[in-house]
Amino acid sequence: MSWRNAFGSVLAALFGVQSEANRQRDFNESSPLPYIVVGVVMVTLFVISLLAIVNMVLS
């Protein structure tokens, strides 16, 4: 499993469009660590971007 595949899977999951083939591939992996790390980073970036947008609108 590469970090690139983990990024693509997490991004697809965040949008809710994960294909069955990719879901099966992801669940057959031995370690969930890449998915956890990429997921935390992407959610953190999403929250930071929302905060920045709200601050720009309210300023």
PDB file of N, CA and C in Angstrom:
ATOM      1  N   MET A   1       0.850  -1.179   0.000  1.00  0.00           N
ATOM      2  CA  MET A   1       0.000   0.000   0.000  1.00  0.00           C
ATOM      3  C   MET A   1       0.883   1.225   0.000  1.00  0.00           C
ATOM      4  N   SER A   2       0.632   2.086  -0.931  1.00  0.00           N
ATOM      5  CA  SER A   2       1.388   3.329  -0.973  1.00  0.00           C
ATOM      6  C   SER A   2       0.574   4.444  -0.332  1.00  0.00           C
ATOM      7  N   TRP A   3       1.264   5.497   0.038  1.00  0.00           N
ATOM      8  CA  TRP A   3       0.591   6.653   0.638  1.00  0.00           C
ATOM      9  C   TRP A   3      -0.325   7.313  -0.383  1.00  0.00           C
ATOM     10  N   ARG A   4       0.035   7.214  -1.647  1.00  0.00           N
ATOM     11  CA  ARG A   4      -0.790   7.793  -2.709  1.00  0.00           C
ATOM     12  C   ARG A   4      -2.146   7.086  -2.779  1.00  0.00           C
ATOM     13  N   ASN A   5      -2.129   5.755  -2.691  1.00  0.00           N
ATOM     14  CA  ASN A   5      -3.384   4.997  -2.685  1.00  0.00           C
ATOM     15  C   ASN A   5      -4.209   5.317  -1.448  1.00  0.00           C
ATOM     16  N   ALA A   6      -3.536   5.467  -0.308  1.00  0.00           N
ATOM     17  CA  ALA A   6      -4.245   5.803   0.924  1.00  0.00           C
ATOM     18  C   ALA A   6      -4.891   7.182   0.799  1.00  0.00           C
ATOM     19  N   PHE A   7      -4.184   8.137   0.210  1.00  0.00           N
ATOM     20  CA  PHE A   7      -4.736   9.472   0.009  1.00  0.00           C
ATOM     21  C   PHE A   7      -5.973   9.417  -0.880  1.00  0.00           C
ATOM     22  N   GLY A   8      -5.889   8.682  -1.977  1.00  0.00           N
ATOM     23  CA  GLY A   8      -7.029   8.551  -2.886  1.00  0.00           C
ATOM     24  C   GLY A   8      -8.223   7.888  -2.219  1.00  0.00           C
ATOM     25  N   SER A   9      -7.971   6.875  -1.415  1.00  0.00           N
ATOM     26  CA  SER A   9      -9.058   6.178  -0.738  1.00  0.00           C
ATOM     27  C   SER A   9      -9.714   7.053   0.318  1.00  0.00           C
ATOM     28  N   VAL A  10      -8.911   7.786   1.068  1.00  0.00           N
ATOM     29  CA  VAL A  10      -9.462   8.671   2.095  1.00  0.00           C
ATOM     30  C   VAL A  10     -10.240   9.806   1.439  1.00  0.00           C
ATOM     31  N   LEU A  11      -9.722  10.366   0.378  1.00  0.00           N
ATOM     32  CA  LEU A  11     -10.426  11.441  -0.322  1.00  0.00           C
ATOM     33  C   LEU A  11     -11.767  10.954  -0.872  1.00  0.00           C
ATOM     34  N   ALA A  12     -11.771   9.770  -1.472  1.00  0.00           N
ATOM     35  CA  ALA A  12     -13.021   9.203  -1.989  1.00  0.00           C
ATOM     36  C   ALA A  12     -13.996   8.922  -0.849  1.00  0.00           C
ATOM     37  N   ALA A  13     -13.496   8.447   0.265  1.00  0.00           N
ATOM     38  CA  ALA A  13     -14.361   8.161   1.407  1.00  0.00           C
ATOM     39  C   ALA A  13     -14.943   9.441   1.998  1.00  0.00           C
ATOM     40  N   LEU A  14     -14.166  10.513   2.025  1.00  0.00           N
ATOM     41  CA  LEU A  14     -14.683  11.780   2.537  1.00  0.00           C
ATOM     42  C   LEU A  14     -15.834  12.309   1.682  1.00  0.00           C
ATOM     43  N   PHE A  15     -15.770  12.060   0.380  1.00  0.00           N
ATOM     44  CA  PHE A  15     -16.843  12.476  -0.515  1.00  0.00           C
ATOM     45  C   PHE A  15     -17.952  11.434  -0.615  1.00  0.00           C
ATOM     46  N   GLY A  16     -17.709  10.234  -0.080  1.00  0.00           N
ATOM     47  CA  GLY A  16     -18.719   9.189  -0.097  1.00  0.00           C
ATOM     48  C   GLY A  16     -18.870   8.491  -1.427  1.00  0.00           C
ATOM     49  N   VAL A  17     -17.816   8.418  -2.217  1.00  0.00           N
ATOM     50  CA  VAL A  17     -17.895   7.805  -3.544  1.00  0.00           C
ATOM     51  C   VAL A  17     -16.896   6.656  -3.707  1.00  0.00           C
ATOM     52  N   GLN A  18     -16.560   5.988  -2.644  1.00  0.00           N
ATOM     53  CA  GLN A  18     -15.600   4.887  -2.685  1.00  0.00           C
ATOM     54  C   GLN A  18     -16.175   3.714  -3.471  1.00  0.00           C
ATOM     55  N   SER A  19     -15.425   3.176  -4.427  1.00  0.00           N
ATOM     56  CA  SER A  19     -15.898   2.034  -5.209  1.00  0.00           C
ATOM     57  C   SER A  19     -15.738   0.747  -4.391  1.00  0.00           C
ATOM     58  N   GLU A  20     -16.515  -0.242  -4.760  1.00  0.00           N
ATOM     59  CA  GLU A  20     -16.472  -1.524  -4.044  1.00  0.00           C
ATOM     60  C   GLU A  20     -15.095  -2.182  -4.190  1.00  0.00           C
ATOM     61  N   ALA A  21     -14.498  -2.079  -5.361  1.00  0.00           N
ATOM     62  CA  ALA A  21     -13.175  -2.680  -5.576  1.00  0.00           C
ATOM     63  C   ALA A  21     -12.131  -2.020  -4.689  1.00  0.00           C
ATOM     64  N   ASN A  22     -12.160  -0.695  -4.597  1.00  0.00           N
ATOM     65  CA  ASN A  22     -11.202   0.004  -3.737  1.00  0.00           C
ATOM     66  C   ASN A  22     -11.465  -0.286  -2.264  1.00  0.00           C
ATOM     67  N   ARG A  23     -12.725  -0.384  -1.885  1.00  0.00           N
ATOM     68  CA  ARG A  23     -13.055  -0.692  -0.492  1.00  0.00           C
ATOM     69  C   ARG A  23     -12.524  -2.077  -0.119  1.00  0.00           C
ATOM     70  N   GLN A  24     -12.702  -3.048  -1.002  1.00  0.00           N
ATOM     71  CA  GLN A  24     -12.186  -4.396  -0.747  1.00  0.00           C
ATOM     72  C   GLN A  24     -10.661  -4.381  -0.638  1.00  0.00           C
ATOM     73  N   ARG A  25     -10.003  -3.642  -1.525  1.00  0.00           N
ATOM     74  CA  ARG A  25      -8.540  -3.536  -1.483  1.00  0.00           C
ATOM     75  C   ARG A  25      -8.080  -2.931  -0.163  1.00  0.00           C
ATOM     76  N   ASP A  26      -8.776  -1.872   0.270  1.00  0.00           N
ATOM     77  CA  ASP A  26      -8.399  -1.191   1.499  1.00  0.00           C
ATOM     78  C   ASP A  26      -8.573  -2.083   2.724  1.00  0.00           C
ATOM     79  N   PHE A  27      -9.659  -2.837   2.769  1.00  0.00           N
ATOM     80  CA  PHE A  27      -9.908  -3.680   3.931  1.00  0.00           C
ATOM     81  C   PHE A  27      -9.044  -4.933   3.948  1.00  0.00           C
ATOM     82  N   ASN A  28      -8.408  -5.267   2.838  1.00  0.00           N
ATOM     83  CA  ASN A  28      -7.497  -6.412   2.799  1.00  0.00           C
ATOM     84  C   ASN A  28      -6.067  -6.034   3.164  1.00  0.00           C
ATOM     85  N   GLU A  29      -5.805  -4.773   3.397  1.00  0.00           N
ATOM     86  CA  GLU A  29      -4.464  -4.324   3.789  1.00  0.00           C
ATOM     87  C   GLU A  29      -4.171  -4.775   5.211  1.00  0.00           C
ATOM     88  N   SER A  30      -2.896  -4.973   5.499  1.00  0.00           N
ATOM     89  CA  SER A  30      -2.502  -5.472   6.820  1.00  0.00           C
ATOM     90  C   SER A  30      -2.439  -4.375   7.873  1.00  0.00           C
ATOM     91  N   SER A  31      -2.168  -3.133   7.467  1.00  0.00           N
ATOM     92  CA  SER A  31      -2.008  -2.062   8.446  1.00  0.00           C
ATOM     93  C   SER A  31      -2.919  -0.884   8.113  1.00  0.00           C
ATOM     94  N   PRO A  32      -3.694  -0.417   9.101  1.00  0.00           N
ATOM     95  CA  PRO A  32      -4.547   0.739   8.870  1.00  0.00           C
ATOM     96  C   PRO A  32      -3.822   2.071   9.076  1.00  0.00           C
ATOM     97  N   LEU A  33      -2.546   2.032   9.461  1.00  0.00           N
ATOM     98  CA  LEU A  33      -1.804   3.245   9.800  1.00  0.00           C
ATOM     99  C   LEU A  33      -1.798   4.306   8.698  1.00  0.00           C
ATOM    100  N   PRO A  34      -1.544   3.963   7.423  1.00  0.00           N
ATOM    101  CA  PRO A  34      -1.570   5.020   6.392  1.00  0.00           C
ATOM    102  C   PRO A  34      -2.925   5.711   6.290  1.00  0.00           C
ATOM    103  N   TYR A  35      -3.996   4.950   6.419  1.00  0.00           N
ATOM    104  CA  TYR A  35      -5.340   5.521   6.334  1.00  0.00           C
ATOM    105  C   TYR A  35      -5.628   6.442   7.513  1.00  0.00           C
ATOM    106  N   ILE A  36      -5.185   6.053   8.684  1.00  0.00           N
ATOM    107  CA  ILE A  36      -5.395   6.863   9.883  1.00  0.00           C
ATOM    108  C   ILE A  36      -4.630   8.174   9.774  1.00  0.00           C
ATOM    109  N   VAL A  37      -3.357   8.100   9.382  1.00  0.00           N
ATOM    110  CA  VAL A  37      -2.526   9.302   9.277  1.00  0.00           C
ATOM    111  C   VAL A  37      -3.082  10.249   8.214  1.00  0.00           C
ATOM    112  N   VAL A  38      -3.384   9.727   7.034  1.00  0.00           N
ATOM    113  CA  VAL A  38      -3.902  10.562   5.958  1.00  0.00           C
ATOM    114  C   VAL A  38      -5.265  11.132   6.343  1.00  0.00           C
ATOM    115  N   GLY A  39      -6.103  10.342   6.987  1.00  0.00           N
ATOM    116  CA  GLY A  39      -7.414  10.823   7.414  1.00  0.00           C
ATOM    117  C   GLY A  39      -7.326  11.959   8.408  1.00  0.00           C
ATOM    118  N   VAL A  40      -6.460  11.829   9.398  1.00  0.00           N
ATOM    119  CA  VAL A  40      -6.292  12.889  10.391  1.00  0.00           C
ATOM    120  C   VAL A  40      -5.762  14.162   9.738  1.00  0.00           C
ATOM    121  N   VAL A  41      -4.793  14.029   8.851  1.00  0.00           N
ATOM    122  CA  VAL A  41      -4.225  15.199   8.176  1.00  0.00           C
ATOM    123  C   VAL A  41      -5.281  15.893   7.314  1.00  0.00           C
ATOM    124  N   MET A  42      -6.047  15.109   6.562  1.00  0.00           N
ATOM    125  CA  MET A  42      -7.043  15.711   5.672  1.00  0.00           C
ATOM    126  C   MET A  42      -8.178  16.371   6.442  1.00  0.00           C
ATOM    127  N   VAL A  43      -8.625  15.768   7.518  1.00  0.00           N
ATOM    128  CA  VAL A  43      -9.689  16.381   8.326  1.00  0.00           C
ATOM    129  C   VAL A  43      -9.165  17.650   8.990  1.00  0.00           C
ATOM    130  N   THR A  44      -7.926  17.631   9.459  1.00  0.00           N
ATOM    131  CA  THR A  44      -7.327  18.820  10.059  1.00  0.00           C
ATOM    132  C   THR A  44      -7.237  19.958   9.040  1.00  0.00           C
ATOM    133  N   LEU A  45      -6.792  19.657   7.833  1.00  0.00           N
ATOM    134  CA  LEU A  45      -6.728  20.675   6.784  1.00  0.00           C
ATOM    135  C   LEU A  45      -8.114  21.201   6.429  1.00  0.00           C
ATOM    136  N   PHE A  46      -9.107  20.337   6.421  1.00  0.00           N
ATOM    137  CA  PHE A  46     -10.477  20.749   6.136  1.00  0.00           C
ATOM    138  C   PHE A  46     -10.983  21.719   7.198  1.00  0.00           C
ATOM    139  N   VAL A  47     -10.751  21.408   8.458  1.00  0.00           N
ATOM    140  CA  VAL A  47     -11.196  22.281   9.554  1.00  0.00           C
ATOM    141  C   VAL A  47     -10.471  23.615   9.497  1.00  0.00           C
ATOM    142  N   ILE A  48      -9.169  23.597   9.251  1.00  0.00           N
ATOM    143  CA  ILE A  48      -8.397  24.844   9.162  1.00  0.00           C
ATOM    144  C   ILE A  48      -8.902  25.708   8.009  1.00  0.00           C
ATOM    145  N   SER A  49      -9.201  25.067   6.871  1.00  0.00           N
ATOM    146  CA  SER A  49      -9.703  25.851   5.734  1.00  0.00           C
ATOM    147  C   SER A  49     -11.086  26.430   6.029  1.00  0.00           C
ATOM    148  N   LEU A  50     -11.945  25.697   6.712  1.00  0.00           N
ATOM    149  CA  LEU A  50     -13.244  26.243   7.098  1.00  0.00           C
ATOM    150  C   LEU A  50     -13.091  27.426   8.045  1.00  0.00           C
ATOM    151  N   LEU A  51     -12.192  27.317   9.007  1.00  0.00           N
ATOM    152  CA  LEU A  51     -11.944  28.429   9.926  1.00  0.00           C
ATOM    153  C   LEU A  51     -11.422  29.649   9.178  1.00  0.00           C
ATOM    154  N   ALA A  52     -10.545  29.447   8.218  1.00  0.00           N
ATOM    155  CA  ALA A  52     -10.007  30.568   7.439  1.00  0.00           C
ATOM    156  C   ALA A  52     -11.108  31.236   6.620  1.00  0.00           C
ATOM    157  N   ILE A  53     -11.979  30.445   6.011  1.00  0.00           N
ATOM    158  CA  ILE A  53     -13.081  31.014   5.235  1.00  0.00           C
ATOM    159  C   ILE A  53     -14.028  31.806   6.116  1.00  0.00           C
ATOM    160  N   VAL A  54     -14.370  31.272   7.277  1.00  0.00           N
ATOM    161  CA  VAL A  54     -15.266  31.970   8.199  1.00  0.00           C
ATOM    162  C   VAL A  54     -14.627  33.273   8.673  1.00  0.00           C
ATOM    163  N   ASN A  55     -13.346  33.251   8.984  1.00  0.00           N
ATOM    164  CA  ASN A  55     -12.667  34.464   9.411  1.00  0.00           C
ATOM    165  C   ASN A  55     -12.625  35.520   8.301  1.00  0.00           C
ATOM    166  N   MET A  56     -12.444  35.100   7.054  1.00  0.00           N
ATOM    167  CA  MET A  56     -12.448  36.048   5.939  1.00  0.00           C
ATOM    168  C   MET A  56     -13.840  36.656   5.745  1.00  0.00           C
ATOM    169  N   VAL A  57     -14.865  35.856   5.886  1.00  0.00           N
ATOM    170  CA  VAL A  57     -16.227  36.346   5.683  1.00  0.00           C
ATOM    171  C   VAL A  57     -16.626  37.304   6.803  1.00  0.00           C
ATOM    172  N   LEU A  58     -16.222  37.008   8.020  1.00  0.00           N
ATOM    173  CA  LEU A  58     -16.612  37.842   9.154  1.00  0.00           C
ATOM    174  C   LEU A  58     -15.746  39.086   9.302  1.00  0.00           C
ATOM    175  N   SER A  59     -14.641  39.154   8.612  1.00  0.00           N
ATOM    176  CA  SER A  59     -13.742  40.326   8.731  1.00  0.00           C
ATOM    177  C   SER A  59     -14.197  41.464   7.861  1.00  0.00           C
TER     178      SER A  59
END
